[in-house]
Amino acid sequence: MLIDSHCHLDLAVFDGQRDELMVRCAEQGVSGFLVPATRFESWGKINHLVKRYPTWRVAYGLHPYFLREATLKQIDGLAEQCDTERVMAVGEIGLDCWPGAVDMDIQKAYLLRQLSVAKMLRLPVILHARKSYDLVLKCLRQGGFDRGGIVHAFNGSLEQAKRFTALGFVLGIGGTVTYPRAKKAHRVLASLDARDYVLETDSPDMPISGFQGQTNTPLSLPCIVQHIANIREEDVDQVTRQAYENLLSVFPKWNEDLL
């Protein structure tokens, strides 16, 4: 069972084609999707769409790169929002050191508040940590967060990977590993324990090698799996099965009938 643990299928680029895309994914063996929110304004749309697509699971949160549009008061409604159908986690939350991001002190305040909500609800989190792994780890310790989750699009060192997995996190592995030049990512992936990773695409972003500039979709997941298998010198079925087991270790209620 191939599960895309991070795809933004709620975004407008997929409007008008979701039904067809879901059919095509099923034909290719991609049978589950975790859709994390990025903005407060997206919460309502995701809550509506998840009722339409039974293979979706969702997470709600405020993405660090879009905090100029957010208010801390919006987090007051996060606990209630996470009490809706098929919510697996609080997310996508974290810290972003990319140019143009808001002040880091503001980002930390949002992250710590959302970690507090996740801790109260006993939910894992979906972490965004662009060029900020050590800072995020520090916030996890500061917030006393011990519920684990997924580190989205992990591209750090093996030492950083081990620090996250020691806290109960698994690492999201996606299109980066399909690029021949991503040597560090390949080395880290080859060295990970089998229990330490899940599959993701970050659709519509992070296209796989050879498809740069195109809209990414969960249909790229089989290609990602093939590359992981090659890098880890394992077979595709083994990678698929292990990634699914790893996902269930973080989200044990994934298969509950919540309709």
C-alpha atoms as a PDB file:
ATOM      1  CA  MET A   1       0.000   0.000   0.000  1.00  0.00           C
ATOM      2  CA  LEU A   2       1.585   3.258  -1.166  1.00  0.00           C
ATOM      3  CA  ILE A   3       0.739   6.223   1.065  1.00  0.00           C
ATOM      4  CA  ASP A   4       1.691   9.808   0.219  1.00  0.00           C
ATOM      5  CA  SER A   5       2.352  11.214   3.678  1.00  0.00           C
ATOM      6  CA  HIS A   6       2.550  14.848   2.527  1.00  0.00           C
ATOM      7  CA  CYS A   7       0.583  16.281  -0.407  1.00  0.00           C
ATOM      8  CA  HIS A   8      -1.313  19.557  -0.680  1.00  0.00           C
ATOM      9  CA  LEU A   9      -4.224  18.272  -2.724  1.00  0.00           C
ATOM     10  CA  ASP A  10      -6.451  21.065  -1.441  1.00  0.00           C
ATOM     11  CA  LEU A  11      -4.614  23.720  -3.455  1.00  0.00           C
ATOM     12  CA  ALA A  12      -6.354  25.451  -6.351  1.00  0.00           C
ATOM     13  CA  VAL A  13      -4.049  23.869  -8.936  1.00  0.00           C
ATOM     14  CA  PHE A  14      -5.956  20.611  -8.352  1.00  0.00           C
ATOM     15  CA  ASP A  15      -9.427  22.150  -8.596  1.00  0.00           C
ATOM     16  CA  GLY A  16     -11.345  20.461 -11.410  1.00  0.00           C
ATOM     17  CA  GLN A  17      -9.079  17.420 -11.603  1.00  0.00           C
ATOM     18  CA  ARG A  18      -9.152  15.797  -8.149  1.00  0.00           C
ATOM     19  CA  ASP A  19     -11.642  13.073  -9.025  1.00  0.00           C
ATOM     20  CA  GLU A  20      -9.647  12.032 -12.084  1.00  0.00           C
ATOM     21  CA  LEU A  21      -6.378  12.216 -10.135  1.00  0.00           C
ATOM     22  CA  MET A  22      -7.735  10.009  -7.356  1.00  0.00           C
ATOM     23  CA  VAL A  23      -8.812   7.400  -9.935  1.00  0.00           C
ATOM     24  CA  ARG A  24      -5.391   7.460 -11.598  1.00  0.00           C
ATOM     25  CA  CYS A  25      -3.642   7.164  -8.250  1.00  0.00           C
ATOM     26  CA  ALA A  26      -5.723   4.119  -7.332  1.00  0.00           C
ATOM     27  CA  GLU A  27      -4.795   2.531 -10.673  1.00  0.00           C
ATOM     28  CA  GLN A  28      -1.104   3.076  -9.846  1.00  0.00           C
ATOM     29  CA  GLY A  29      -1.431   1.648  -6.332  1.00  0.00           C
ATOM     30  CA  VAL A  30      -1.268   4.971  -4.490  1.00  0.00           C
ATOM     31  CA  SER A  31      -4.100   4.439  -2.063  1.00  0.00           C
ATOM     32  CA  GLY A  32      -3.758   6.944   0.771  1.00  0.00           C
ATOM     33  CA  PHE A  33      -2.980  10.634   1.201  1.00  0.00           C
ATOM     34  CA  LEU A  34      -2.138  12.901   4.124  1.00  0.00           C
ATOM     35  CA  VAL A  35      -3.105  16.492   3.321  1.00  0.00           C
ATOM     36  CA  PRO A  36      -1.656  19.061   5.747  1.00  0.00           C
ATOM     37  CA  ALA A  37      -2.990  22.593   5.954  1.00  0.00           C
ATOM     38  CA  THR A  38      -0.745  25.602   5.451  1.00  0.00           C
ATOM     39  CA  ARG A  39      -3.011  28.591   6.132  1.00  0.00           C
ATOM     40  CA  PHE A  40      -5.974  29.244   8.403  1.00  0.00           C
ATOM     41  CA  GLU A  41      -8.056  29.973   5.303  1.00  0.00           C
ATOM     42  CA  SER A  42      -7.454  26.441   4.023  1.00  0.00           C
ATOM     43  CA  TRP A  43      -8.879  24.685   7.071  1.00  0.00           C
ATOM     44  CA  GLY A  44     -12.487  24.926   5.911  1.00  0.00           C
ATOM     45  CA  LYS A  45     -11.723  23.728   2.375  1.00  0.00           C
ATOM     46  CA  ILE A  46      -9.753  20.742   3.645  1.00  0.00           C
ATOM     47  CA  ASN A  47     -12.506  19.865   6.115  1.00  0.00           C
ATOM     48  CA  HIS A  48     -14.964  19.859   3.209  1.00  0.00           C
ATOM     49  CA  LEU A  49     -12.770  17.854   0.838  1.00  0.00           C
ATOM     50  CA  VAL A  50     -11.846  15.140   3.321  1.00  0.00           C
ATOM     51  CA  LYS A  51     -15.523  14.216   3.541  1.00  0.00           C
ATOM     52  CA  ARG A  52     -15.539  13.656  -0.233  1.00  0.00           C
ATOM     53  CA  TYR A  53     -12.411  11.511  -0.431  1.00  0.00           C
ATOM     54  CA  PRO A  54     -12.311   8.548   1.973  1.00  0.00           C
ATOM     55  CA  THR A  55      -8.634   7.828   1.220  1.00  0.00           C
ATOM     56  CA  TRP A  56      -7.583  11.225   2.590  1.00  0.00           C
ATOM     57  CA  ARG A  57      -6.307  11.917   6.065  1.00  0.00           C
ATOM     58  CA  VAL A  58      -5.551  15.483   7.154  1.00  0.00           C
ATOM     59  CA  ALA A  59      -3.647  17.738   9.527  1.00  0.00           C
ATOM     60  CA  TYR A  60      -4.390  21.310  10.558  1.00  0.00           C
ATOM     61  CA  GLY A  61      -1.904  24.005  11.437  1.00  0.00           C
ATOM     62  CA  LEU A  62      -0.230  27.262  10.398  1.00  0.00           C
ATOM     63  CA  HIS A  63       2.792  26.941   8.094  1.00  0.00           C
ATOM     64  CA  PRO A  64       5.732  29.118   9.197  1.00  0.00           C
ATOM     65  CA  TYR A  65       6.333  30.689   5.790  1.00  0.00           C
ATOM     66  CA  PHE A  66       2.813  32.112   5.601  1.00  0.00           C
ATOM     67  CA  LEU A  67       2.567  33.644   9.058  1.00  0.00           C
ATOM     68  CA  ARG A  68       2.222  37.177   7.689  1.00  0.00           C
ATOM     69  CA  GLU A  69      -1.373  36.184   6.988  1.00  0.00           C
ATOM     70  CA  ALA A  70      -1.897  34.616  10.439  1.00  0.00           C
ATOM     71  CA  THR A  71      -2.749  35.670  13.971  1.00  0.00           C
ATOM     72  CA  LEU A  72      -2.011  33.860  17.200  1.00  0.00           C
ATOM     73  CA  LYS A  73      -5.735  34.000  17.939  1.00  0.00           C
ATOM     74  CA  GLN A  74      -6.333  31.566  15.072  1.00  0.00           C
ATOM     75  CA  ILE A  75      -4.505  28.911  17.091  1.00  0.00           C
ATOM     76  CA  ASP A  76      -7.271  29.183  19.700  1.00  0.00           C
ATOM     77  CA  GLY A  77      -9.533  27.307  17.282  1.00  0.00           C
ATOM     78  CA  LEU A  78      -6.969  24.663  16.385  1.00  0.00           C
ATOM     79  CA  ALA A  79      -8.011  22.165  19.041  1.00  0.00           C
ATOM     80  CA  GLU A  80     -11.638  22.243  17.886  1.00  0.00           C
ATOM     81  CA  GLN A  81     -10.595  21.957  14.239  1.00  0.00           C
ATOM     82  CA  CYS A  82      -8.506  18.898  15.047  1.00  0.00           C
ATOM     83  CA  ASP A  83     -11.560  17.222  16.532  1.00  0.00           C
ATOM     84  CA  THR A  84     -13.045  16.766  13.048  1.00  0.00           C
ATOM     85  CA  GLU A  85     -12.984  13.650  10.858  1.00  0.00           C
ATOM     86  CA  ARG A  86      -9.774  11.835   9.951  1.00  0.00           C
ATOM     87  CA  VAL A  87      -7.325  14.257  11.588  1.00  0.00           C
ATOM     88  CA  MET A  88      -3.969  12.547  12.080  1.00  0.00           C
ATOM     89  CA  ALA A  89      -1.768  15.406  13.284  1.00  0.00           C
ATOM     90  CA  VAL A  90      -1.198  19.090  13.882  1.00  0.00           C
ATOM     91  CA  GLY A  91       0.595  20.532  10.880  1.00  0.00           C
ATOM     92  CA  GLU A  92       2.151  21.738   8.788  1.00  0.00           C
ATOM     93  CA  ILE A  93       4.060  23.663  11.464  1.00  0.00           C
ATOM     94  CA  GLY A  94       7.695  24.505  12.086  1.00  0.00           C
ATOM     95  CA  LEU A  95      10.433  27.018  11.322  1.00  0.00           C
ATOM     96  CA  ASP A  96      11.608  28.379   7.982  1.00  0.00           C
ATOM     97  CA  CYS A  97      14.929  30.164   7.423  1.00  0.00           C
ATOM     98  CA  TRP A  98      14.311  30.808   3.737  1.00  0.00           C
ATOM     99  CA  PRO A  99      14.639  34.432   2.530  1.00  0.00           C
ATOM    100  CA  GLY A 100      11.348  36.250   2.909  1.00  0.00           C
ATOM    101  CA  ALA A 101      10.164  34.336   5.968  1.00  0.00           C
ATOM    102  CA  VAL A 102       8.868  36.278   8.956  1.00  0.00           C
ATOM    103  CA  ASP A 103      11.020  37.090  11.985  1.00  0.00           C
ATOM    104  CA  MET A 104      12.289  33.941  13.712  1.00  0.00           C
ATOM    105  CA  ASP A 105      10.997  34.992  17.138  1.00  0.00           C
ATOM    106  CA  ILE A 106       7.497  35.209  15.663  1.00  0.00           C
ATOM    107  CA  GLN A 107       7.897  31.791  14.035  1.00  0.00           C
ATOM    108  CA  LYS A 108       9.024  30.257  17.316  1.00  0.00           C
ATOM    109  CA  ALA A 109       6.020  31.713  19.158  1.00  0.00           C
ATOM    110  CA  TYR A 110       3.639  30.101  16.643  1.00  0.00           C
ATOM    111  CA  LEU A 111       5.492  26.803  16.702  1.00  0.00           C
ATOM    112  CA  LEU A 112       5.508  26.556  20.498  1.00  0.00           C
ATOM    113  CA  ARG A 113       1.799  27.423  20.709  1.00  0.00           C
ATOM    114  CA  GLN A 114       0.922  24.764  18.143  1.00  0.00           C
ATOM    115  CA  LEU A 115       3.157  22.179  19.811  1.00  0.00           C
ATOM    116  CA  SER A 116       1.255  22.905  23.015  1.00  0.00           C
ATOM    117  CA  VAL A 117      -2.057  22.188  21.261  1.00  0.00           C
ATOM    118  CA  ALA A 118      -0.699  18.951  19.775  1.00  0.00           C
ATOM    119  CA  LYS A 119       0.591  17.881  23.174  1.00  0.00           C
ATOM    120  CA  MET A 120      -2.778  18.622  24.787  1.00  0.00           C
ATOM    121  CA  LEU A 121      -4.600  16.621  22.083  1.00  0.00           C
ATOM    122  CA  ARG A 122      -2.003  13.819  22.165  1.00  0.00           C
ATOM    123  CA  LEU A 123      -1.440  14.196  18.450  1.00  0.00           C
ATOM    124  CA  PRO A 124       1.811  13.937  16.487  1.00  0.00           C
ATOM    125  CA  VAL A 125       2.938  16.856  14.327  1.00  0.00           C
ATOM    126  CA  ILE A 126       3.976  17.417  10.717  1.00  0.00           C
ATOM    127  CA  LEU A 127       7.166  19.472  10.900  1.00  0.00           C
ATOM    128  CA  HIS A 128       8.411  21.927   8.305  1.00  0.00           C
ATOM    129  CA  ALA A 129      12.086  22.644   9.008  1.00  0.00           C
ATOM    130  CA  ARG A 130      13.678  24.402   6.046  1.00  0.00           C
ATOM    131  CA  LYS A 131      17.306  25.138   6.953  1.00  0.00           C
ATOM    132  CA  SER A 132      16.254  25.033  10.612  1.00  0.00           C
ATOM    133  CA  TYR A 133      16.655  21.489  11.935  1.00  0.00           C
ATOM    134  CA  ASP A 134      18.673  22.416  15.010  1.00  0.00           C
ATOM    135  CA  LEU A 135      16.338  25.307  15.852  1.00  0.00           C
ATOM    136  CA  VAL A 136      13.297  23.039  15.546  1.00  0.00           C
ATOM    137  CA  LEU A 137      14.917  20.413  17.758  1.00  0.00           C
ATOM    138  CA  LYS A 138      15.547  23.096  20.362  1.00  0.00           C
ATOM    139  CA  CYS A 139      11.880  24.154  20.258  1.00  0.00           C
ATOM    140  CA  LEU A 140      10.753  20.534  20.642  1.00  0.00           C
ATOM    141  CA  ARG A 141      12.853  20.254  23.782  1.00  0.00           C
ATOM    142  CA  GLN A 142      11.697  23.651  25.042  1.00  0.00           C
ATOM    143  CA  GLY A 143       8.062  22.676  24.537  1.00  0.00           C
ATOM    144  CA  GLY A 144       8.551  19.272  26.122  1.00  0.00           C
ATOM    145  CA  PHE A 145       6.996  17.698  23.047  1.00  0.00           C
ATOM    146  CA  ASP A 146       7.164  13.906  22.986  1.00  0.00           C
ATOM    147  CA  ARG A 147       4.392  12.826  20.606  1.00  0.00           C
ATOM    148  CA  GLY A 148       6.591  12.375  17.533  1.00  0.00           C
ATOM    149  CA  GLY A 149       5.402  12.837  13.962  1.00  0.00           C
ATOM    150  CA  ILE A 150       6.955  13.396  10.543  1.00  0.00           C
ATOM    151  CA  VAL A 151       9.816  15.696   9.590  1.00  0.00           C
ATOM    152  CA  HIS A 152       8.645  16.761   6.150  1.00  0.00           C
ATOM    153  CA  ALA A 153      11.106  16.712   3.222  1.00  0.00           C
ATOM    154  CA  PHE A 154      14.056  15.797   5.402  1.00  0.00           C
ATOM    155  CA  ASN A 155      17.359  16.878   3.876  1.00  0.00           C
ATOM    156  CA  GLY A 156      19.624  17.128   6.910  1.00  0.00           C
ATOM    157  CA  SER A 157      22.601  15.180   8.153  1.00  0.00           C
ATOM    158  CA  LEU A 158      22.551  11.657   9.546  1.00  0.00           C
ATOM    159  CA  GLU A 159      23.284  13.087  13.003  1.00  0.00           C
ATOM    160  CA  GLN A 160      20.255  15.381  12.755  1.00  0.00           C
ATOM    161  CA  ALA A 161      18.157  12.481  11.499  1.00  0.00           C
ATOM    162  CA  LYS A 162      19.090  10.439  14.549  1.00  0.00           C
ATOM    163  CA  ARG A 163      18.188  13.308  16.871  1.00  0.00           C
ATOM    164  CA  PHE A 164      14.692  13.460  15.380  1.00  0.00           C
ATOM    165  CA  THR A 165      14.135   9.717  15.343  1.00  0.00           C
ATOM    166  CA  ALA A 166      15.210   9.546  18.982  1.00  0.00           C
ATOM    167  CA  LEU A 167      12.223  11.815  19.700  1.00  0.00           C
ATOM    168  CA  GLY A 168       9.801   9.497  17.913  1.00  0.00           C
ATOM    169  CA  PHE A 169       9.820  11.159  14.499  1.00  0.00           C
ATOM    170  CA  VAL A 170      10.072   9.539  11.102  1.00  0.00           C
ATOM    171  CA  LEU A 171      11.547  11.336   8.105  1.00  0.00           C
ATOM    172  CA  GLY A 172       9.616  12.242   4.973  1.00  0.00           C
ATOM    173  CA  ILE A 173      11.505  11.088   1.871  1.00  0.00           C
ATOM    174  CA  GLY A 174      10.409  12.497  -1.471  1.00  0.00           C
ATOM    175  CA  GLY A 175      11.511  13.695  -4.867  1.00  0.00           C
ATOM    176  CA  THR A 176      14.930  14.960  -3.784  1.00  0.00           C
ATOM    177  CA  VAL A 177      16.329  11.421  -3.830  1.00  0.00           C
ATOM    178  CA  THR A 178      15.496  11.065  -7.540  1.00  0.00           C
ATOM    179  CA  TYR A 179      18.163  13.643  -8.460  1.00  0.00           C
ATOM    180  CA  PRO A 180      21.621  12.221  -9.212  1.00  0.00           C
ATOM    181  CA  ARG A 181      23.312  15.284  -7.688  1.00  0.00           C
ATOM    182  CA  ALA A 182      21.650  14.787  -4.278  1.00  0.00           C
ATOM    183  CA  LYS A 183      24.588  12.762  -2.972  1.00  0.00           C
ATOM    184  CA  LYS A 184      24.208  13.758   0.683  1.00  0.00           C
ATOM    185  CA  ALA A 185      20.531  12.810   0.678  1.00  0.00           C
ATOM    186  CA  HIS A 186      21.437   9.465  -0.874  1.00  0.00           C
ATOM    187  CA  ARG A 187      24.085   8.755   1.775  1.00  0.00           C
ATOM    188  CA  VAL A 188      21.730   9.617   4.632  1.00  0.00           C
ATOM    189  CA  LEU A 189      18.903   7.552   3.153  1.00  0.00           C
ATOM    190  CA  ALA A 190      21.179   4.541   2.725  1.00  0.00           C
ATOM    191  CA  SER A 191      22.232   4.796   6.387  1.00  0.00           C
ATOM    192  CA  LEU A 192      18.778   5.206   7.952  1.00  0.00           C
ATOM    193  CA  ASP A 193      17.290   2.447  10.035  1.00  0.00           C
ATOM    194  CA  ALA A 194      14.442   0.737   8.187  1.00  0.00           C
ATOM    195  CA  ARG A 195      11.949   2.163  10.704  1.00  0.00           C
ATOM    196  CA  ASP A 196      12.929   5.786  10.149  1.00  0.00           C
ATOM    197  CA  TYR A 197      11.233   6.941   6.928  1.00  0.00           C
ATOM    198  CA  VAL A 198       7.904   7.436   5.180  1.00  0.00           C
ATOM    199  CA  LEU A 199       7.065   8.372   1.591  1.00  0.00           C
ATOM    200  CA  GLU A 200       5.904  11.761   0.365  1.00  0.00           C
ATOM    201  CA  THR A 201       5.652  13.951  -2.737  1.00  0.00           C
ATOM    202  CA  ASP A 202       4.837  17.464  -1.403  1.00  0.00           C
ATOM    203  CA  SER A 203       2.535  17.833  -4.417  1.00  0.00           C
ATOM    204  CA  PRO A 204       2.206  20.154  -6.254  1.00  0.00           C
ATOM    205  CA  ASP A 205       5.806  21.110  -5.355  1.00  0.00           C
ATOM    206  CA  MET A 206       9.108  19.169  -5.370  1.00  0.00           C
ATOM    207  CA  PRO A 207       8.780  17.448  -8.771  1.00  0.00           C
ATOM    208  CA  ILE A 208      10.942  14.407  -9.395  1.00  0.00           C
ATOM    209  CA  SER A 209      14.011  14.502 -11.622  1.00  0.00           C
ATOM    210  CA  GLY A 210      13.115  14.981 -15.282  1.00  0.00           C
ATOM    211  CA  PHE A 211       9.848  16.777 -14.483  1.00  0.00           C
ATOM    212  CA  GLN A 212      11.183  20.108 -13.249  1.00  0.00           C
ATOM    213  CA  GLY A 213       8.752  22.969 -13.764  1.00  0.00           C
ATOM    214  CA  GLN A 214       5.735  20.661 -13.892  1.00  0.00           C
ATOM    215  CA  THR A 215       2.968  20.238 -11.336  1.00  0.00           C
ATOM    216  CA  ASN A 216       3.898  17.345  -9.080  1.00  0.00           C
ATOM    217  CA  THR A 217       1.232  14.805  -8.056  1.00  0.00           C
ATOM    218  CA  PRO A 218       1.123  11.647  -5.939  1.00  0.00           C
ATOM    219  CA  LEU A 219       1.550   9.712  -9.199  1.00  0.00           C
ATOM    220  CA  SER A 220       5.293  10.312  -8.783  1.00  0.00           C
ATOM    221  CA  LEU A 221       5.343   8.125  -5.663  1.00  0.00           C
ATOM    222  CA  PRO A 222       6.163   4.825  -7.453  1.00  0.00           C
ATOM    223  CA  CYS A 223       9.214   6.493  -9.020  1.00  0.00           C
ATOM    224  CA  ILE A 224      10.348   7.744  -5.602  1.00  0.00           C
ATOM    225  CA  VAL A 225       9.947   4.242  -4.166  1.00  0.00           C
ATOM    226  CA  GLN A 226      12.049   2.779  -6.970  1.00  0.00           C
ATOM    227  CA  HIS A 227      14.855   5.241  -6.235  1.00  0.00           C
ATOM    228  CA  ILE A 228      14.697   4.515  -2.510  1.00  0.00           C
ATOM    229  CA  ALA A 229      14.910   0.805  -3.236  1.00  0.00           C
ATOM    230  CA  ASN A 230      17.935   1.347  -5.469  1.00  0.00           C
ATOM    231  CA  ILE A 231      19.718   3.558  -2.947  1.00  0.00           C
ATOM    232  CA  ARG A 232      19.034   1.228  -0.016  1.00  0.00           C
ATOM    233  CA  GLU A 233      19.682  -1.895  -2.106  1.00  0.00           C
ATOM    234  CA  GLU A 234      16.276  -3.306  -1.235  1.00  0.00           C
ATOM    235  CA  ASP A 235      13.366  -4.407  -3.365  1.00  0.00           C
ATOM    236  CA  VAL A 236      10.379  -2.204  -4.080  1.00  0.00           C
ATOM    237  CA  ASP A 237       7.934  -4.373  -2.148  1.00  0.00           C
ATOM    238  CA  GLN A 238      10.173  -4.238   0.911  1.00  0.00           C
ATOM    239  CA  VAL A 239      10.381  -0.435   0.791  1.00  0.00           C
ATOM    240  CA  THR A 240       6.638  -0.095   0.244  1.00  0.00           C
ATOM    241  CA  ARG A 241       5.776  -2.419   3.108  1.00  0.00           C
ATOM    242  CA  GLN A 242       8.285  -0.869   5.495  1.00  0.00           C
ATOM    243  CA  ALA A 243       7.191   2.693   4.760  1.00  0.00           C
ATOM    244  CA  TYR A 244       3.568   1.717   5.391  1.00  0.00           C
ATOM    245  CA  GLU A 245       4.455   0.089   8.713  1.00  0.00           C
ATOM    246  CA  ASN A 246       6.427   3.184   9.668  1.00  0.00           C
ATOM    247  CA  LEU A 247       3.445   5.389   8.868  1.00  0.00           C
ATOM    248  CA  LEU A 248       1.184   3.286  11.088  1.00  0.00           C
ATOM    249  CA  SER A 249       3.695   3.569  13.918  1.00  0.00           C
ATOM    250  CA  VAL A 250       3.167   7.339  13.872  1.00  0.00           C
ATOM    251  CA  PHE A 251      -0.548   7.317  12.980  1.00  0.00           C
ATOM    252  CA  PRO A 252      -1.989   4.132  14.514  1.00  0.00           C
ATOM    253  CA  LYS A 253      -5.564   5.214  13.805  1.00  0.00           C
ATOM    254  CA  TRP A 254      -4.945   5.663  10.049  1.00  0.00           C
ATOM    255  CA  ASN A 255      -7.174   2.740   9.083  1.00  0.00           C
ATOM    256  CA  GLU A 256      -9.996   3.405  11.504  1.00  0.00           C
ATOM    257  CA  ASP A 257     -13.378   3.802   9.866  1.00  0.00           C
ATOM    258  CA  LEU A 258     -14.054   7.447  10.714  1.00  0.00           C
ATOM    259  CA  LEU A 259     -16.759   8.096   8.121  1.00  0.00           C
END
